[in-house]
């Protein structure tokens, strides 16, 4: 005597599929976080440069016409004595980009940095550039101290699209840490050691990294580190 196999409703099948997908994404992030197998490390703490100068190689990798990224001595720096300052200036640019010299163009990496937002009348947002292809195709992990949010945004030729937003506390005038675990499966974003965003995004699979500010934001950066 034959018996019919149990049939799942469409809703139940979708629920099972979603659960399997979440498990798969979580497993992928686990592999990226624990079994990454990084073999190379690059660190920029800016302490070997003279105060008030533009570091060699950096001026060629900035989207700004003027030298707006300069070395500054700061007694509160996570690694003393120097930081890289993005000078606050009123201009027509919406975003300011500074790539890291000799940044590896890879699809799997662990990127960390310290930052402090110090000023801004029109914006108070600083961030980390990821998967940079060109100045119209990249991701930015953006910390907005005016809105107290962390966002993972994708820049396109038309818009900066922020599909991932989380409420956080970002205090102007205080140092914070930012971290991004990047793999072929997506990006995991941390603020001050806490996992905030998991993004399963396959756009711009590889690219360079750097620092980013919005409009007239003034910010300090220190201890930029890449493991890959």
Protein backbone atom coordinates (compact mmCIF):
# COMPACT_ATOMS: atom_id res chain seq x y z
CA UNK A 1 0.00 0.00 0.00
CA UNK A 2 1.56 3.25 -1.08
CA UNK A 3 1.36 6.39 0.98
CA UNK A 4 1.73 9.98 -0.13
CA UNK A 5 4.76 11.95 0.99
CA UNK A 6 3.92 14.86 3.26
CA UNK A 7 3.56 18.08 1.29
CA UNK A 8 4.92 21.36 2.62
CA UNK A 9 2.96 24.54 2.07
CA UNK A 10 4.60 27.32 0.05
CA UNK A 11 4.93 29.41 3.21
CA UNK A 12 6.62 26.59 5.07
CA UNK A 13 8.98 25.89 2.17
CA UNK A 14 9.99 29.57 2.09
CA UNK A 15 10.56 29.52 5.86
CA UNK A 16 12.80 26.46 5.57
CA UNK A 17 14.71 28.04 2.66
CA UNK A 18 15.24 31.25 4.62
CA UNK A 19 16.52 29.32 7.62
CA UNK A 20 18.97 27.36 5.45
CA UNK A 21 20.14 30.59 3.80
CA UNK A 22 20.76 32.26 7.18
CA UNK A 23 22.72 29.23 8.38
CA UNK A 24 24.78 29.30 5.17
CA UNK A 25 25.56 33.02 5.50
CA UNK A 26 26.45 32.64 9.19
CA UNK A 27 28.75 29.73 8.35
CA UNK A 28 30.43 31.75 5.62
CA UNK A 29 31.07 34.63 8.04
CA UNK A 30 32.37 32.18 10.62
CA UNK A 31 34.87 30.86 8.09
CA UNK A 32 35.91 34.41 7.19
CA UNK A 33 36.33 35.38 10.84
CA UNK A 34 38.03 32.27 12.21
CA UNK A 35 39.65 30.42 9.32
CA UNK A 36 40.72 33.33 7.16
CA UNK A 37 44.36 32.29 6.98
CA UNK A 38 45.77 35.83 6.66
CA UNK A 39 49.44 35.76 5.71
CA UNK A 40 50.25 39.47 5.30
CA UNK A 41 49.89 42.54 7.53
CA UNK A 42 50.29 46.23 6.69
CA UNK A 43 50.02 48.99 9.33
CA UNK A 44 50.03 52.78 9.05
CA UNK A 45 50.31 54.67 12.37
CA UNK A 46 51.70 57.90 10.81
CA UNK A 47 54.28 58.35 13.58
CA UNK A 48 57.32 58.41 11.29
CA UNK A 49 56.12 61.52 9.44
CA UNK A 50 56.70 65.15 10.37
CA UNK A 51 53.82 67.18 11.80
CA UNK A 52 52.06 69.31 9.18
CA UNK A 53 53.32 67.37 6.17
CA UNK A 54 51.51 65.33 3.55
CA UNK A 55 52.78 61.72 3.68
CA UNK A 56 54.63 60.57 0.60
CA UNK A 57 52.32 58.70 -1.76
CA UNK A 58 49.13 59.87 -0.08
CA UNK A 59 48.60 63.06 -2.09
CA UNK A 60 48.47 61.06 -5.33
CA UNK A 61 45.77 58.81 -3.89
CA UNK A 62 43.36 61.51 -2.71
CA UNK A 63 40.31 62.69 -4.63
CA UNK A 64 40.89 66.24 -3.36
CA UNK A 65 42.55 68.93 -5.45
CA UNK A 66 44.17 70.50 -2.38
CA UNK A 67 46.27 68.64 0.22
CA UNK A 68 43.49 68.19 2.79
CA UNK A 69 44.96 65.04 4.40
CA UNK A 70 47.95 66.00 6.57
CA UNK A 71 49.93 64.68 9.52
CA UNK A 72 48.95 66.17 12.89
CA UNK A 73 50.39 65.65 16.36
CA UNK A 74 47.66 64.69 18.82
CA UNK A 75 48.29 63.86 22.47
CA UNK A 76 45.18 61.66 22.53
CA UNK A 77 46.28 59.51 19.58
CA UNK A 78 45.85 55.75 20.10
CA UNK A 79 49.50 55.40 19.01
CA UNK A 80 51.37 58.61 19.78
CA UNK A 81 52.39 61.08 18.61
CA UNK A 82 50.75 61.47 15.18
CA UNK A 83 47.47 60.96 13.36
CA UNK A 84 46.31 61.60 9.80
CA UNK A 85 43.96 64.58 9.79
CA UNK A 86 41.28 65.29 7.24
CA UNK A 87 41.06 69.08 7.40
CA UNK A 88 37.55 70.53 7.62
CA UNK A 89 36.84 72.81 4.66
CA UNK A 90 33.73 74.17 2.96
CA UNK A 91 33.81 73.14 -0.68
CA UNK A 92 31.51 71.63 -3.28
CA UNK A 93 32.64 68.02 -2.81
CA UNK A 94 30.14 65.67 -1.19
CA UNK A 95 32.76 63.07 -0.27
CA UNK A 96 36.51 63.06 0.33
CA UNK A 97 38.48 59.88 -0.34
CA UNK A 98 42.01 58.97 0.69
CA UNK A 99 43.30 55.58 -0.41
CA UNK A 100 46.08 53.74 1.38
CA UNK A 101 49.32 53.47 -0.63
CA UNK A 102 50.11 49.93 -1.78
CA UNK A 103 46.69 48.78 -0.62
CA UNK A 104 46.25 45.14 -1.66
CA UNK A 105 43.51 44.48 -4.20
CA UNK A 106 42.03 41.34 -2.63
CA UNK A 107 38.62 39.83 -1.91
CA UNK A 108 39.34 38.59 1.64
CA UNK A 109 40.79 40.82 4.33
CA UNK A 110 40.47 42.16 7.87
CA UNK A 111 40.66 45.97 7.98
CA UNK A 112 40.80 48.01 11.20
CA UNK A 113 41.35 51.65 12.09
CA UNK A 114 40.79 54.23 14.82
CA UNK A 115 38.99 57.47 14.07
CA UNK A 116 37.79 60.61 15.81
CA UNK A 117 35.28 63.09 14.37
CA UNK A 118 36.33 66.56 15.47
CA UNK A 119 34.26 69.09 13.51
CA UNK A 120 31.69 69.76 10.80
CA UNK A 121 28.84 72.19 10.22
CA UNK A 122 27.14 70.40 7.32
CA UNK A 123 28.12 66.83 8.20
CA UNK A 124 29.93 64.81 10.86
CA UNK A 125 30.61 61.53 9.09
CA UNK A 126 33.83 59.56 8.71
CA UNK A 127 34.45 56.08 7.44
CA UNK A 128 36.45 53.28 5.90
CA UNK A 129 36.59 52.65 2.14
CA UNK A 130 36.29 48.99 1.09
CA UNK A 131 36.41 47.22 -2.28
CA UNK A 132 37.45 50.42 -4.05
CA UNK A 133 37.36 50.03 -7.84
CA UNK A 134 37.27 53.74 -8.72
CA UNK A 135 35.77 56.90 -7.22
CA UNK A 136 32.29 55.88 -8.40
CA UNK A 137 32.42 52.20 -7.45
CA UNK A 138 33.27 51.32 -3.85
CA UNK A 139 31.81 50.55 -0.43
CA UNK A 140 32.13 52.81 2.60
CA UNK A 141 31.54 51.82 6.21
CA UNK A 142 30.27 55.18 7.48
CA UNK A 143 30.03 56.43 11.07
CA UNK A 144 27.65 59.38 11.39
CA UNK A 145 27.95 61.11 14.77
CA UNK A 146 25.15 63.59 13.96
CA UNK A 147 22.64 60.76 13.40
CA UNK A 148 24.33 58.22 15.70
CA UNK A 149 24.33 55.45 13.14
CA UNK A 150 26.71 53.06 11.41
CA UNK A 151 25.96 52.41 7.74
CA UNK A 152 27.40 50.22 5.04
CA UNK A 153 26.92 52.09 1.78
CA UNK A 154 27.64 51.33 -1.87
CA UNK A 155 28.69 54.17 -4.12
CA UNK A 156 27.47 54.12 -7.72
CA UNK A 157 27.80 56.69 -10.52
CA UNK A 158 24.32 57.98 -9.59
CA UNK A 159 23.92 57.61 -5.82
CA UNK A 160 25.48 56.59 -2.54
CA UNK A 161 23.14 53.78 -1.47
CA UNK A 162 23.05 52.83 2.22
CA UNK A 163 21.22 49.50 2.46
CA UNK A 164 22.50 48.64 5.93
CA UNK A 165 21.95 51.04 8.85
CA UNK A 166 22.19 50.44 12.59
CA UNK A 167 21.72 52.85 15.50
CA UNK A 168 24.92 53.25 17.54
CA UNK A 169 26.56 55.85 19.75
CA UNK A 170 29.34 57.80 18.05
CA UNK A 171 30.60 60.61 20.25
CA UNK A 172 32.34 63.54 18.52
CA UNK A 173 35.73 64.33 20.02
CA UNK A 174 36.27 60.74 21.18
CA UNK A 175 38.26 57.94 19.57
CA UNK A 176 36.38 54.94 18.19
CA UNK A 177 37.53 51.78 16.46
CA UNK A 178 36.12 50.43 13.20
CA UNK A 179 36.66 46.98 11.74
CA UNK A 180 35.52 45.24 8.55
CA UNK A 181 35.86 41.53 7.83
CA UNK A 182 35.60 41.22 4.06
CA UNK A 183 35.12 37.95 2.20
CA UNK A 184 33.59 36.76 -1.06
CA UNK A 185 30.35 36.22 0.88
CA UNK A 186 30.00 39.76 2.18
CA UNK A 187 31.12 42.21 4.84
CA UNK A 188 30.90 42.04 8.64
CA UNK A 189 31.24 45.47 10.30
CA UNK A 190 32.28 46.20 13.87
CA UNK A 191 32.28 49.41 15.91
CA UNK A 192 34.28 49.56 19.15
CA UNK A 193 34.62 45.79 19.13
CA UNK A 194 30.90 45.05 18.69
CA UNK A 195 29.50 43.31 15.61
CA UNK A 196 26.94 45.75 14.17
CA UNK A 197 26.29 44.82 10.52
CA UNK A 198 26.37 41.59 8.50
CA UNK A 199 25.92 42.25 4.80
CA UNK A 200 25.63 39.47 2.23
CA UNK A 201 26.66 41.62 -0.72
CA UNK A 202 28.55 40.42 -3.79
CA UNK A 203 29.05 43.77 -5.55
CA UNK A 204 32.60 44.99 -6.27
CA UNK A 205 34.14 41.67 -5.23
CA UNK A 206 37.65 43.07 -4.70
CA UNK A 207 39.34 46.42 -4.41
CA UNK A 208 41.54 48.75 -2.40
CA UNK A 209 40.88 50.35 0.98
CA UNK A 210 41.21 53.78 2.54
CA UNK A 211 39.59 56.56 4.55
CA UNK A 212 36.54 58.68 3.81
CA UNK A 213 34.71 61.78 5.07
CA UNK A 214 31.53 63.58 4.08
CA UNK A 215 31.28 67.27 3.12
CA UNK A 216 33.03 69.51 5.71
CA UNK A 217 33.69 66.81 8.31
CA UNK A 218 36.99 67.21 10.13
CA UNK A 219 38.39 63.90 11.43
CA UNK A 220 41.51 62.18 12.72
CA UNK A 221 42.61 58.66 11.73
CA UNK A 222 45.18 56.36 13.30
CA UNK A 223 46.43 52.76 13.30
CA UNK A 224 45.09 51.74 9.90
CA UNK A 225 45.76 48.00 9.60
CA UNK A 226 45.15 45.48 6.81
CA UNK A 227 45.43 41.71 7.22
CA UNK A 228 45.07 39.67 4.06
